[in-house]
Amino acid sequence: MTNFLFNIKNHYLRVAIAELVDEAMKAAGRPHYQFSQQWDAGSMAQADVIFTEMVAGEWYLCQDLFQHAPEQYTLLFSRTMNTLP
């Protein structure tokens, strides 16, 4: 089973990514997967793919948490946009 972990505050972005993942997994014939939004050490240890958003420098604040991630995982992140252009 493939575990996808989300740490994305923007509801619409999170739903859009989940829909894309759902379509991709169904197209690949891999019906066994799950989504989680529990951002803790236990969830990190089980995650195969991690979607997160961070501001510059936040990665360094989360290093202790990422030590619980499995040996092989994929991390995808977007930049947090707090202000409008």
Protein backbone atom coordinates (compact mmCIF):
# COMPACT_ATOMS: atom_id res chain seq x y z
CA MET A 1 0.00 0.00 0.00
CA THR A 2 1.23 3.47 -0.90
CA ASN A 3 0.85 6.11 1.81
CA PHE A 4 0.54 9.79 0.86
CA LEU A 5 1.08 12.36 3.63
CA PHE A 6 -0.22 15.92 3.24
CA ASN A 7 0.92 19.00 5.15
CA ILE A 8 -0.83 21.61 3.04
CA LYS A 9 -3.00 24.30 4.63
CA ASN A 10 -4.63 25.45 1.41
CA HIS A 11 -7.74 23.30 1.15
CA TYR A 12 -8.15 23.74 -2.61
CA LEU A 13 -4.53 22.86 -3.36
CA ARG A 14 -4.75 19.79 -1.10
CA VAL A 15 -7.97 18.58 -2.77
CA ALA A 16 -6.53 19.20 -6.26
CA ILE A 17 -3.38 17.21 -5.50
CA ALA A 18 -5.42 14.41 -3.93
CA GLU A 19 -7.61 14.22 -7.06
CA LEU A 20 -4.55 14.07 -9.33
CA VAL A 21 -3.01 11.33 -7.20
CA ASP A 22 -6.31 9.43 -7.20
CA GLU A 23 -6.54 9.55 -10.99
CA ALA A 24 -2.88 8.56 -11.41
CA MET A 25 -3.17 5.62 -9.03
CA LYS A 26 -6.34 4.37 -10.72
CA ALA A 27 -4.76 4.72 -14.17
CA ALA A 28 -1.72 2.78 -12.96
CA GLY A 29 -3.95 0.00 -11.64
CA ARG A 30 -2.81 0.52 -8.04
CA PRO A 31 -6.02 0.63 -6.00
CA HIS A 32 -4.34 0.25 -2.60
CA TYR A 33 -3.30 3.65 -1.27
CA GLN A 34 -4.29 6.04 1.45
CA PHE A 35 -4.08 9.73 2.29
CA SER A 36 -3.13 11.14 5.68
CA GLN A 37 -2.93 14.64 7.13
CA GLN A 38 -1.45 13.62 10.49
CA TRP A 39 1.83 15.54 10.55
CA ASP A 40 3.70 13.58 13.24
CA ALA A 41 6.60 11.16 13.57
CA GLY A 42 4.41 8.06 13.20
CA SER A 43 2.83 9.27 9.97
CA MET A 44 6.22 10.33 8.64
CA ALA A 45 7.57 6.83 9.30
CA GLN A 46 4.82 5.28 7.15
CA ALA A 47 4.75 7.84 4.32
CA ASP A 48 5.93 6.91 0.86
CA VAL A 49 5.16 10.33 -0.64
CA ILE A 50 5.04 13.57 1.34
CA PHE A 51 3.35 16.72 0.04
CA THR A 52 4.11 19.85 2.04
CA GLU A 53 4.34 23.60 1.77
CA MET A 54 7.05 25.59 3.49
CA VAL A 55 8.41 29.07 3.73
CA ALA A 56 12.11 29.68 3.18
CA GLY A 57 14.13 28.20 6.02
CA GLU A 58 11.31 26.09 7.47
CA TRP A 59 12.98 22.92 6.17
CA TYR A 60 15.70 23.36 8.78
CA LEU A 61 13.11 23.63 11.56
CA CYS A 62 11.58 20.29 10.50
CA GLN A 63 14.80 18.30 10.23
CA ASP A 64 14.10 16.36 13.44
CA LEU A 65 10.69 15.33 12.14
CA PHE A 66 12.09 14.22 8.76
CA GLN A 67 14.48 11.86 10.56
CA HIS A 68 11.43 9.64 11.21
CA ALA A 69 10.70 9.32 7.48
CA PRO A 70 11.44 5.96 5.87
CA GLU A 71 14.74 5.45 4.13
CA GLN A 72 13.18 5.94 0.70
CA TYR A 73 10.41 8.48 0.32
CA THR A 74 9.50 11.24 -2.08
CA LEU A 75 9.11 14.80 -0.81
CA LEU A 76 7.19 17.30 -2.91
CA PHE A 77 6.71 20.82 -1.62
CA SER A 78 5.37 24.14 -2.71
CA ARG A 79 6.23 27.59 -1.51
CA THR A 80 3.75 29.10 0.90
CA MET A 81 2.14 32.20 -0.54
CA ASN A 82 1.04 34.41 2.34
CA THR A 83 0.72 37.65 0.37
CA LEU A 84 -0.88 38.56 -2.89
CA PRO A 85 1.39 39.93 -5.65
